[in-house]
Amino acid sequence: MFSKGQIIFGVLFFIVFAIIIGFTYRKDLKLHKRFYAGSVWVLIAFISFILFIVAIKFFLK
């Protein structure tokens, strides 16, 4: 399906991309704490909503 060169490129690209994203996040950490202070509650609400939908699907099946 994929050649060996494509697989190597994909793996290397993912590793380098993850490292760059990590450095960028660490650099902007002070700004993230300032501007996104309440975002954890939005994440909790989103996960709760998804779990609620799954529970409805499970019980009405």
PDB file of N, CA and C in Angstrom:
ATOM      1  N   MET A   1       0.826  -1.184   0.000  1.00  0.00           N
ATOM      2  CA  MET A   1       0.000   0.000   0.000  1.00  0.00           C
ATOM      3  C   MET A   1       0.879   1.260   0.000  1.00  0.00           C
ATOM      4  N   PHE A   2       1.792   1.371   0.955  1.00  0.00           N
ATOM      5  CA  PHE A   2       2.744   2.479   0.991  1.00  0.00           C
ATOM      6  C   PHE A   2       4.138   1.924   0.761  1.00  0.00           C
ATOM      7  N   SER A   3       4.960   2.713   0.105  1.00  0.00           N
ATOM      8  CA  SER A   3       6.345   2.276  -0.073  1.00  0.00           C
ATOM      9  C   SER A   3       7.125   2.531   1.218  1.00  0.00           C
ATOM     10  N   LYS A   4       8.298   1.928   1.312  1.00  0.00           N
ATOM     11  CA  LYS A   4       9.121   2.088   2.510  1.00  0.00           C
ATOM     12  C   LYS A   4       9.515   3.554   2.703  1.00  0.00           C
ATOM     13  N   GLY A   5       9.800   4.245   1.610  1.00  0.00           N
ATOM     14  CA  GLY A   5      10.166   5.659   1.693  1.00  0.00           C
ATOM     15  C   GLY A   5       9.019   6.525   2.199  1.00  0.00           C
ATOM     16  N   GLN A   6       7.798   6.217   1.781  1.00  0.00           N
ATOM     17  CA  GLN A   6       6.634   6.970   2.243  1.00  0.00           C
ATOM     18  C   GLN A   6       6.397   6.759   3.737  1.00  0.00           C
ATOM     19  N   ILE A   7       6.581   5.538   4.198  1.00  0.00           N
ATOM     20  CA  ILE A   7       6.394   5.248   5.621  1.00  0.00           C
ATOM     21  C   ILE A   7       7.451   5.975   6.448  1.00  0.00           C
ATOM     22  N   ILE A   8       8.692   5.951   6.004  1.00  0.00           N
ATOM     23  CA  ILE A   8       9.763   6.654   6.714  1.00  0.00           C
ATOM     24  C   ILE A   8       9.473   8.149   6.744  1.00  0.00           C
ATOM     25  N   PHE A   9       9.070   8.710   5.626  1.00  0.00           N
ATOM     26  CA  PHE A   9       8.743  10.126   5.575  1.00  0.00           C
ATOM     27  C   PHE A   9       7.606  10.461   6.532  1.00  0.00           C
ATOM     28  N   GLY A  10       6.570   9.642   6.555  1.00  0.00           N
ATOM     29  CA  GLY A  10       5.429   9.887   7.434  1.00  0.00           C
ATOM     30  C   GLY A  10       5.816   9.861   8.901  1.00  0.00           C
ATOM     31  N   VAL A  11       6.627   8.882   9.270  1.00  0.00           N
ATOM     32  CA  VAL A  11       7.060   8.776  10.667  1.00  0.00           C
ATOM     33  C   VAL A  11       7.934   9.965  11.046  1.00  0.00           C
ATOM     34  N   LEU A  12       8.897  10.301  10.209  1.00  0.00           N
ATOM     35  CA  LEU A  12       9.772  11.442  10.495  1.00  0.00           C
ATOM     36  C   LEU A  12       8.986  12.749  10.535  1.00  0.00           C
ATOM     37  N   PHE A  13       8.050  12.919   9.620  1.00  0.00           N
ATOM     38  CA  PHE A  13       7.231  14.119   9.601  1.00  0.00           C
ATOM     39  C   PHE A  13       6.433  14.239  10.895  1.00  0.00           C
ATOM     40  N   PHE A  14       5.842  13.142  11.354  1.00  0.00           N
ATOM     41  CA  PHE A  14       5.059  13.160  12.592  1.00  0.00           C
ATOM     42  C   PHE A  14       5.938  13.520  13.788  1.00  0.00           C
ATOM     43  N   ILE A  15       7.123  12.944  13.868  1.00  0.00           N
ATOM     44  CA  ILE A  15       8.022  13.217  14.994  1.00  0.00           C
ATOM     45  C   ILE A  15       8.436  14.686  15.009  1.00  0.00           C
ATOM     46  N   VAL A  16       8.861  15.204  13.865  1.00  0.00           N
ATOM     47  CA  VAL A  16       9.285  16.602  13.791  1.00  0.00           C
ATOM     48  C   VAL A  16       8.110  17.533  14.057  1.00  0.00           C
ATOM     49  N   PHE A  17       6.960  17.232  13.524  1.00  0.00           N
ATOM     50  CA  PHE A  17       5.774  18.053  13.744  1.00  0.00           C
ATOM     51  C   PHE A  17       5.408  18.089  15.226  1.00  0.00           C
ATOM     52  N   ALA A  18       5.434  16.937  15.901  1.00  0.00           N
ATOM     53  CA  ALA A  18       5.111  16.884  17.323  1.00  0.00           C
ATOM     54  C   ALA A  18       6.116  17.680  18.151  1.00  0.00           C
ATOM     55  N   ILE A  19       7.400  17.624  17.805  1.00  0.00           N
ATOM     56  CA  ILE A  19       8.424  18.378  18.520  1.00  0.00           C
ATOM     57  C   ILE A  19       8.199  19.879  18.343  1.00  0.00           C
ATOM     58  N   ILE A  20       7.914  20.313  17.123  1.00  0.00           N
ATOM     59  CA  ILE A  20       7.687  21.741  16.867  1.00  0.00           C
ATOM     60  C   ILE A  20       6.446  22.225  17.606  1.00  0.00           C
ATOM     61  N   ILE A  21       5.372  21.449  17.579  1.00  0.00           N
ATOM     62  CA  ILE A  21       4.155  21.829  18.301  1.00  0.00           C
ATOM     63  C   ILE A  21       4.436  21.906  19.798  1.00  0.00           C
ATOM     64  N   GLY A  22       5.217  20.976  20.336  1.00  0.00           N
ATOM     65  CA  GLY A  22       5.570  20.996  21.759  1.00  0.00           C
ATOM     66  C   GLY A  22       6.350  22.238  22.138  1.00  0.00           C
ATOM     67  N   PHE A  23       7.353  22.599  21.340  1.00  0.00           N
ATOM     68  CA  PHE A  23       8.122  23.813  21.624  1.00  0.00           C
ATOM     69  C   PHE A  23       7.253  25.059  21.535  1.00  0.00           C
ATOM     70  N   THR A  24       6.388  25.111  20.550  1.00  0.00           N
ATOM     71  CA  THR A  24       5.508  26.268  20.392  1.00  0.00           C
ATOM     72  C   THR A  24       4.548  26.388  21.567  1.00  0.00           C
ATOM     73  N   TYR A  25       4.011  25.263  22.016  1.00  0.00           N
ATOM     74  CA  TYR A  25       3.108  25.289  23.158  1.00  0.00           C
ATOM     75  C   TYR A  25       3.834  25.778  24.403  1.00  0.00           C
ATOM     76  N   ARG A  26       5.048  25.276  24.643  1.00  0.00           N
ATOM     77  CA  ARG A  26       5.811  25.712  25.816  1.00  0.00           C
ATOM     78  C   ARG A  26       6.124  27.201  25.746  1.00  0.00           C
ATOM     79  N   LYS A  27       6.396  27.697  24.561  1.00  0.00           N
ATOM     80  CA  LYS A  27       6.711  29.114  24.385  1.00  0.00           C
ATOM     81  C   LYS A  27       5.495  29.981  24.710  1.00  0.00           C
ATOM     82  N   ASP A  28       4.300  29.539  24.352  1.00  0.00           N
ATOM     83  CA  ASP A  28       3.081  30.320  24.536  1.00  0.00           C
ATOM     84  C   ASP A  28       2.303  29.939  25.791  1.00  0.00           C
ATOM     85  N   LEU A  29       2.909  29.193  26.702  1.00  0.00           N
ATOM     86  CA  LEU A  29       2.189  28.700  27.874  1.00  0.00           C
ATOM     87  C   LEU A  29       1.638  29.827  28.739  1.00  0.00           C
ATOM     88  N   LYS A  30       2.401  30.912  28.885  1.00  0.00           N
ATOM     89  CA  LYS A  30       1.937  32.029  29.698  1.00  0.00           C
ATOM     90  C   LYS A  30       0.678  32.668  29.089  1.00  0.00           C
ATOM     91  N   LEU A  31       0.657  32.797  27.775  1.00  0.00           N
ATOM     92  CA  LEU A  31      -0.523  33.354  27.100  1.00  0.00           C
ATOM     93  C   LEU A  31      -1.711  32.407  27.207  1.00  0.00           C
ATOM     94  N   HIS A  32      -1.466  31.114  27.130  1.00  0.00           N
ATOM     95  CA  HIS A  32      -2.555  30.139  27.226  1.00  0.00           C
ATOM     96  C   HIS A  32      -3.216  30.211  28.595  1.00  0.00           C
ATOM     97  N   LYS A  33      -2.420  30.323  29.650  1.00  0.00           N
ATOM     98  CA  LYS A  33      -2.987  30.412  30.999  1.00  0.00           C
ATOM     99  C   LYS A  33      -3.807  31.682  31.165  1.00  0.00           C
ATOM    100  N   ARG A  34      -3.416  32.733  30.492  1.00  0.00           N
ATOM    101  CA  ARG A  34      -4.111  34.014  30.628  1.00  0.00           C
ATOM    102  C   ARG A  34      -5.421  34.045  29.841  1.00  0.00           C
ATOM    103  N   PHE A  35      -5.408  33.600  28.603  1.00  0.00           N
ATOM    104  CA  PHE A  35      -6.563  33.743  27.729  1.00  0.00           C
ATOM    105  C   PHE A  35      -7.501  32.539  27.726  1.00  0.00           C
ATOM    106  N   TYR A  36      -7.024  31.391  28.126  1.00  0.00           N
ATOM    107  CA  TYR A  36      -7.847  30.176  28.080  1.00  0.00           C
ATOM    108  C   TYR A  36      -8.027  29.569  29.469  1.00  0.00           C
ATOM    109  N   ALA A  37      -8.236  30.422  30.464  1.00  0.00           N
ATOM    110  CA  ALA A  37      -8.301  29.974  31.859  1.00  0.00           C
ATOM    111  C   ALA A  37      -9.493  29.046  32.104  1.00  0.00           C
ATOM    112  N   GLY A  38     -10.667  29.319  31.534  1.00  0.00           N
ATOM    113  CA  GLY A  38     -11.848  28.507  31.798  1.00  0.00           C
ATOM    114  C   GLY A  38     -12.141  27.455  30.753  1.00  0.00           C
ATOM    115  N   SER A  39     -11.192  27.194  29.891  1.00  0.00           N
ATOM    116  CA  SER A  39     -11.466  26.274  28.788  1.00  0.00           C
ATOM    117  C   SER A  39     -11.618  24.827  29.247  1.00  0.00           C
ATOM    118  N   VAL A  40     -11.102  24.496  30.426  1.00  0.00           N
ATOM    119  CA  VAL A  40     -11.244  23.123  30.917  1.00  0.00           C
ATOM    120  C   VAL A  40     -12.715  22.788  31.141  1.00  0.00           C
ATOM    121  N   TRP A  41     -13.525  23.775  31.521  1.00  0.00           N
ATOM    122  CA  TRP A  41     -14.960  23.533  31.739  1.00  0.00           C
ATOM    123  C   TRP A  41     -15.673  23.275  30.422  1.00  0.00           C
ATOM    124  N   VAL A  42     -15.234  23.919  29.373  1.00  0.00           N
ATOM    125  CA  VAL A  42     -15.806  23.668  28.050  1.00  0.00           C
ATOM    126  C   VAL A  42     -15.474  22.246  27.615  1.00  0.00           C
ATOM    127  N   LEU A  43     -14.254  21.803  27.862  1.00  0.00           N
ATOM    128  CA  LEU A  43     -13.850  20.438  27.531  1.00  0.00           C
ATOM    129  C   LEU A  43     -14.677  19.424  28.317  1.00  0.00           C
ATOM    130  N   ILE A  44     -14.859  19.672  29.609  1.00  0.00           N
ATOM    131  CA  ILE A  44     -15.658  18.767  30.443  1.00  0.00           C
ATOM    132  C   ILE A  44     -17.096  18.707  29.937  1.00  0.00           C
ATOM    133  N   ALA A  45     -17.664  19.860  29.584  1.00  0.00           N
ATOM    134  CA  ALA A  45     -19.032  19.885  29.063  1.00  0.00           C
ATOM    135  C   ALA A  45     -19.136  19.125  27.746  1.00  0.00           C
ATOM    136  N   PHE A  46     -18.164  19.285  26.880  1.00  0.00           N
ATOM    137  CA  PHE A  46     -18.170  18.597  25.587  1.00  0.00           C
ATOM    138  C   PHE A  46     -18.095  17.084  25.778  1.00  0.00           C
ATOM    139  N   ILE A  47     -17.177  16.631  26.635  1.00  0.00           N
ATOM    140  CA  ILE A  47     -17.042  15.196  26.884  1.00  0.00           C
ATOM    141  C   ILE A  47     -18.311  14.647  27.522  1.00  0.00           C
ATOM    142  N   SER A  48     -18.902  15.407  28.447  1.00  0.00           N
ATOM    143  CA  SER A  48     -20.153  14.976  29.081  1.00  0.00           C
ATOM    144  C   SER A  48     -21.271  14.846  28.051  1.00  0.00           C
ATOM    145  N   PHE A  49     -21.348  15.778  27.129  1.00  0.00           N
ATOM    146  CA  PHE A  49     -22.367  15.742  26.091  1.00  0.00           C
ATOM    147  C   PHE A  49     -22.200  14.506  25.209  1.00  0.00           C
ATOM    148  N   ILE A  50     -20.970  14.216  24.810  1.00  0.00           N
ATOM    149  CA  ILE A  50     -20.701  13.037  23.981  1.00  0.00           C
ATOM    150  C   ILE A  50     -21.067  11.760  24.745  1.00  0.00           C
ATOM    151  N   LEU A  51     -20.698  11.689  26.030  1.00  0.00           N
ATOM    152  CA  LEU A  51     -21.050  10.514  26.836  1.00  0.00           C
ATOM    153  C   LEU A  51     -22.558  10.388  26.992  1.00  0.00           C
ATOM    154  N   PHE A  52     -23.260  11.507  27.111  1.00  0.00           N
ATOM    155  CA  PHE A  52     -24.716  11.500  27.206  1.00  0.00           C
ATOM    156  C   PHE A  52     -25.335  10.932  25.927  1.00  0.00           C
ATOM    157  N   ILE A  53     -24.831  11.341  24.779  1.00  0.00           N
ATOM    158  CA  ILE A  53     -25.336  10.831  23.500  1.00  0.00           C
ATOM    159  C   ILE A  53     -25.075   9.330  23.386  1.00  0.00           C
ATOM    160  N   VAL A  54     -23.886   8.883  23.788  1.00  0.00           N
ATOM    161  CA  VAL A  54     -23.564   7.459  23.742  1.00  0.00           C
ATOM    162  C   VAL A  54     -24.481   6.676  24.680  1.00  0.00           C
ATOM    163  N   ALA A  55     -24.738   7.235  25.864  1.00  0.00           N
ATOM    164  CA  ALA A  55     -25.616   6.546  26.826  1.00  0.00           C
ATOM    165  C   ALA A  55     -27.056   6.427  26.274  1.00  0.00           C
ATOM    166  N   ILE A  56     -27.545   7.486  25.641  1.00  0.00           N
ATOM    167  CA  ILE A  56     -28.872   7.428  25.032  1.00  0.00           C
ATOM    168  C   ILE A  56     -28.923   6.357  23.955  1.00  0.00           C
ATOM    169  N   LYS A  57     -27.904   6.316  23.119  1.00  0.00           N
ATOM    170  CA  LYS A  57     -27.853   5.313  22.062  1.00  0.00           C
ATOM    171  C   LYS A  57     -27.804   3.907  22.655  1.00  0.00           C
ATOM    172  N   PHE A  58     -27.027   3.733  23.715  1.00  0.00           N
ATOM    173  CA  PHE A  58     -26.888   2.422  24.332  1.00  0.00           C
ATOM    174  C   PHE A  58     -28.208   1.965  24.953  1.00  0.00           C
ATOM    175  N   PHE A  59     -28.891   2.846  25.674  1.00  0.00           N
ATOM    176  CA  PHE A  59     -30.128   2.455  26.371  1.00  0.00           C
ATOM    177  C   PHE A  59     -31.324   2.330  25.456  1.00  0.00           C
ATOM    178  N   LEU A  60     -31.355   3.024  24.349  1.00  0.00           N
ATOM    179  CA  LEU A  60     -32.495   2.951  23.432  1.00  0.00           C
ATOM    180  C   LEU A  60     -32.297   1.892  22.350  1.00  0.00           C
ATOM    181  N   LYS A  61     -31.222   1.189  22.412  1.00  0.00           N
ATOM    182  CA  LYS A  61     -30.933   0.171  21.405  1.00  0.00           C
ATOM    183  C   LYS A  61     -31.765  -1.062  21.607  1.00  0.00           C
TER     184      LYS A  61
END
